[in-house]
Amino acid sequence: MNHLTRPAVLALLLAGLVVALYAPVRDFEFVAYDDDLCITGVEGIRQGLSLPGIAWAFTSVQCANWYPLTRLSWMIDAQLFGMDPGAFHLTNAALHLAASLVFFLAFLRLTGAPFRSFVVAAIFSLHPLH
């Protein structure tokens, strides 16, 4: 493998591992821990994307957090898929996949070591806390 092929293969392998690990989330429900307080019970999320909703996302605090981009993501999910928990989870898995690939590419650029960058990105991507 040449110096360009190896990183591409490792990135595809990383993507495949993340997809394989997180694909089952499409069948998961919302959890009773805080999804009812932060997502399903919040009218601003349930209504989907709107100008007042965008303003609300940036100007209010919920569940002791200010996270406007997360709220916008949830509002887009609600707009596109209704309140289907599987769609919300798949969106989060897709964002995690994108972050994992960016993480791999950043370490590859910083170190020039494809395999070591892959290992670090795989630990980040597949760790049980994610």
C-alpha atoms as a PDB file:
ATOM      1  CA  MET A   1       0.000   0.000   0.000  1.00  0.00           C
ATOM      2  CA  ASN A   2       1.305   3.450  -0.790  1.00  0.00           C
ATOM      3  CA  HIS A   3       1.296   6.485   1.506  1.00  0.00           C
ATOM      4  CA  LEU A   4      -2.073   7.702   0.132  1.00  0.00           C
ATOM      5  CA  THR A   5      -3.921   4.385   0.051  1.00  0.00           C
ATOM      6  CA  ARG A   6      -3.201   3.340   3.641  1.00  0.00           C
ATOM      7  CA  PRO A   7      -4.928   6.360   5.284  1.00  0.00           C
ATOM      8  CA  ALA A   8      -7.932   5.976   2.977  1.00  0.00           C
ATOM      9  CA  VAL A   9      -8.268   2.275   3.853  1.00  0.00           C
ATOM     10  CA  LEU A  10      -7.882   3.042   7.564  1.00  0.00           C
ATOM     11  CA  ALA A  11     -10.516   5.802   7.342  1.00  0.00           C
ATOM     12  CA  LEU A  12     -12.920   3.393   5.633  1.00  0.00           C
ATOM     13  CA  LEU A  13     -12.183   0.747   8.256  1.00  0.00           C
ATOM     14  CA  LEU A  14     -12.831   3.268  11.027  1.00  0.00           C
ATOM     15  CA  ALA A  15     -16.094   4.334   9.388  1.00  0.00           C
ATOM     16  CA  GLY A  16     -17.157   0.705   9.030  1.00  0.00           C
ATOM     17  CA  LEU A  17     -16.428  -0.010  12.689  1.00  0.00           C
ATOM     18  CA  VAL A  18     -18.374   3.034  13.853  1.00  0.00           C
ATOM     19  CA  VAL A  19     -21.346   2.183  11.617  1.00  0.00           C
ATOM     20  CA  ALA A  20     -21.321  -1.458  12.769  1.00  0.00           C
ATOM     21  CA  LEU A  21     -21.181  -0.465  16.430  1.00  0.00           C
ATOM     22  CA  TYR A  22     -23.783   2.303  16.349  1.00  0.00           C
ATOM     23  CA  ALA A  23     -26.252   0.999  13.725  1.00  0.00           C
ATOM     24  CA  PRO A  24     -28.452  -0.680  16.364  1.00  0.00           C
ATOM     25  CA  VAL A  25     -29.352   2.736  17.835  1.00  0.00           C
ATOM     26  CA  ARG A  26     -32.028   3.069  15.149  1.00  0.00           C
ATOM     27  CA  ASP A  27     -34.139   0.685  17.255  1.00  0.00           C
ATOM     28  CA  PHE A  28     -33.581   2.452  20.594  1.00  0.00           C
ATOM     29  CA  GLU A  29     -36.204   4.535  22.352  1.00  0.00           C
ATOM     30  CA  PHE A  30     -35.751   7.820  24.142  1.00  0.00           C
ATOM     31  CA  VAL A  31     -34.481   7.275  27.678  1.00  0.00           C
ATOM     32  CA  ALA A  32     -36.279   8.332  30.835  1.00  0.00           C
ATOM     33  CA  TYR A  33     -33.115   9.890  32.284  1.00  0.00           C
ATOM     34  CA  ASP A  34     -33.496  13.352  30.747  1.00  0.00           C
ATOM     35  CA  ASP A  35     -34.846  13.011  27.201  1.00  0.00           C
ATOM     36  CA  ASP A  36     -38.313  13.919  28.475  1.00  0.00           C
ATOM     37  CA  LEU A  37     -36.962  17.119  30.037  1.00  0.00           C
ATOM     38  CA  CYS A  38     -34.647  18.129  27.192  1.00  0.00           C
ATOM     39  CA  ILE A  39     -36.269  16.757  24.019  1.00  0.00           C
ATOM     40  CA  THR A  40     -39.644  15.033  24.004  1.00  0.00           C
ATOM     41  CA  GLY A  41     -41.328  17.314  26.519  1.00  0.00           C
ATOM     42  CA  VAL A  42     -40.004  20.540  25.002  1.00  0.00           C
ATOM     43  CA  GLU A  43     -42.435  22.276  22.676  1.00  0.00           C
ATOM     44  CA  GLY A  44     -39.628  24.248  21.000  1.00  0.00           C
ATOM     45  CA  ILE A  45     -38.044  20.966  19.879  1.00  0.00           C
ATOM     46  CA  ARG A  46     -41.318  19.231  18.999  1.00  0.00           C
ATOM     47  CA  GLN A  47     -42.386  22.067  16.675  1.00  0.00           C
ATOM     48  CA  GLY A  48     -39.332  21.633  14.486  1.00  0.00           C
ATOM     49  CA  LEU A  49     -37.258  24.374  12.920  1.00  0.00           C
ATOM     50  CA  SER A  50     -38.710  27.875  12.910  1.00  0.00           C
ATOM     51  CA  LEU A  51     -37.437  31.434  13.330  1.00  0.00           C
ATOM     52  CA  PRO A  52     -38.876  31.747  16.852  1.00  0.00           C
ATOM     53  CA  GLY A  53     -37.421  28.328  17.645  1.00  0.00           C
ATOM     54  CA  ILE A  54     -33.970  29.379  16.467  1.00  0.00           C
ATOM     55  CA  ALA A  55     -34.152  32.482  18.655  1.00  0.00           C
ATOM     56  CA  TRP A  56     -35.284  30.322  21.582  1.00  0.00           C
ATOM     57  CA  ALA A  57     -32.420  27.869  21.003  1.00  0.00           C
ATOM     58  CA  PHE A  58     -29.853  30.653  21.332  1.00  0.00           C
ATOM     59  CA  THR A  59     -31.417  32.613  24.172  1.00  0.00           C
ATOM     60  CA  SER A  60     -32.585  30.123  26.769  1.00  0.00           C
ATOM     61  CA  VAL A  61     -31.175  27.519  29.112  1.00  0.00           C
ATOM     62  CA  GLN A  62     -32.693  24.092  29.575  1.00  0.00           C
ATOM     63  CA  CYS A  63     -31.650  21.194  31.795  1.00  0.00           C
ATOM     64  CA  ALA A  64     -29.023  23.549  33.264  1.00  0.00           C
ATOM     65  CA  ASN A  65     -27.300  23.794  29.859  1.00  0.00           C
ATOM     66  CA  TRP A  66     -26.962  26.260  27.023  1.00  0.00           C
ATOM     67  CA  TYR A  67     -26.492  24.213  23.858  1.00  0.00           C
ATOM     68  CA  PRO A  68     -28.015  26.007  20.893  1.00  0.00           C
ATOM     69  CA  LEU A  69     -26.399  23.850  18.183  1.00  0.00           C
ATOM     70  CA  THR A  70     -27.608  20.676  19.851  1.00  0.00           C
ATOM     71  CA  ARG A  71     -31.103  22.126  20.045  1.00  0.00           C
ATOM     72  CA  LEU A  72     -30.986  23.141  16.389  1.00  0.00           C
ATOM     73  CA  SER A  73     -29.979  19.583  15.503  1.00  0.00           C
ATOM     74  CA  TRP A  74     -32.910  18.220  17.503  1.00  0.00           C
ATOM     75  CA  MET A  75     -35.263  20.737  15.886  1.00  0.00           C
ATOM     76  CA  ILE A  76     -34.096  19.648  12.421  1.00  0.00           C
ATOM     77  CA  ASP A  77     -34.617  15.998  13.413  1.00  0.00           C
ATOM     78  CA  ALA A  78     -38.146  16.798  14.592  1.00  0.00           C
ATOM     79  CA  GLN A  79     -38.832  18.754  11.389  1.00  0.00           C
ATOM     80  CA  LEU A  80     -37.609  15.934   9.143  1.00  0.00           C
ATOM     81  CA  PHE A  81     -38.615  12.807  11.064  1.00  0.00           C
ATOM     82  CA  GLY A  82     -41.170  13.811  13.687  1.00  0.00           C
ATOM     83  CA  MET A  83     -40.389  12.560  17.168  1.00  0.00           C
ATOM     84  CA  ASP A  84     -38.995   9.215  15.992  1.00  0.00           C
ATOM     85  CA  PRO A  85     -36.311   8.322  18.552  1.00  0.00           C
ATOM     86  CA  GLY A  86     -34.420   6.145  16.071  1.00  0.00           C
ATOM     87  CA  ALA A  87     -33.938   9.103  13.736  1.00  0.00           C
ATOM     88  CA  PHE A  88     -32.608  11.254  16.578  1.00  0.00           C
ATOM     89  CA  HIS A  89     -30.165   8.498  17.529  1.00  0.00           C
ATOM     90  CA  LEU A  90     -29.037   7.932  13.931  1.00  0.00           C
ATOM     91  CA  THR A  91     -28.377  11.657  13.519  1.00  0.00           C
ATOM     92  CA  ASN A  92     -26.201  11.560  16.633  1.00  0.00           C
ATOM     93  CA  ALA A  93     -24.402   8.467  15.316  1.00  0.00           C
ATOM     94  CA  ALA A  94     -23.766  10.203  11.973  1.00  0.00           C
ATOM     95  CA  LEU A  95     -22.369  13.261  13.765  1.00  0.00           C
ATOM     96  CA  HIS A  96     -20.172  10.957  15.873  1.00  0.00           C
ATOM     97  CA  LEU A  97     -18.940   9.240  12.709  1.00  0.00           C
ATOM     98  CA  ALA A  98     -18.047  12.610  11.173  1.00  0.00           C
ATOM     99  CA  ALA A  99     -16.237  13.674  14.354  1.00  0.00           C
ATOM    100  CA  SER A 100     -14.365  10.359  14.435  1.00  0.00           C
ATOM    101  CA  LEU A 101     -13.134  10.789  10.873  1.00  0.00           C
ATOM    102  CA  VAL A 102     -12.092  14.389  11.521  1.00  0.00           C
ATOM    103  CA  PHE A 103     -10.274  13.183  14.643  1.00  0.00           C
ATOM    104  CA  PHE A 104      -8.436  10.542  12.591  1.00  0.00           C
ATOM    105  CA  LEU A 105      -7.506  13.027   9.863  1.00  0.00           C
ATOM    106  CA  ALA A 106      -6.330  15.607  12.402  1.00  0.00           C
ATOM    107  CA  PHE A 107      -4.043  13.110  14.127  1.00  0.00           C
ATOM    108  CA  LEU A 108      -2.823  11.853  10.770  1.00  0.00           C
ATOM    109  CA  ARG A 109      -1.943  15.387   9.744  1.00  0.00           C
ATOM    110  CA  LEU A 110      -0.285  16.130  13.094  1.00  0.00           C
ATOM    111  CA  THR A 111       1.746  12.939  13.307  1.00  0.00           C
ATOM    112  CA  GLY A 112       2.052  11.554   9.794  1.00  0.00           C
ATOM    113  CA  ALA A 113       1.546   8.100  11.365  1.00  0.00           C
ATOM    114  CA  PRO A 114      -1.526   6.448   9.807  1.00  0.00           C
ATOM    115  CA  PHE A 115      -1.744   3.365  12.020  1.00  0.00           C
ATOM    116  CA  ARG A 116      -1.172   5.211  15.300  1.00  0.00           C
ATOM    117  CA  SER A 117      -3.696   7.854  14.254  1.00  0.00           C
ATOM    118  CA  PHE A 118      -6.178   5.088  13.458  1.00  0.00           C
ATOM    119  CA  VAL A 119      -5.701   3.463  16.882  1.00  0.00           C
ATOM    120  CA  VAL A 120      -6.225   6.755  18.733  1.00  0.00           C
ATOM    121  CA  ALA A 121      -9.281   7.587  16.614  1.00  0.00           C
ATOM    122  CA  ALA A 122     -10.677   4.075  17.133  1.00  0.00           C
ATOM    123  CA  ILE A 123     -10.331   4.406  20.903  1.00  0.00           C
ATOM    124  CA  PHE A 124     -12.159   7.733  20.742  1.00  0.00           C
ATOM    125  CA  SER A 125     -14.804   6.402  18.354  1.00  0.00           C
ATOM    126  CA  LEU A 126     -15.563   3.056  19.931  1.00  0.00           C
ATOM    127  CA  HIS A 127     -15.089   3.733  23.625  1.00  0.00           C
ATOM    128  CA  PRO A 128     -18.153   2.696  25.682  1.00  0.00           C
ATOM    129  CA  LEU A 129     -18.612   6.214  27.074  1.00  0.00           C
ATOM    130  CA  HIS A 130     -19.643   7.389  23.612  1.00  0.00           C
END
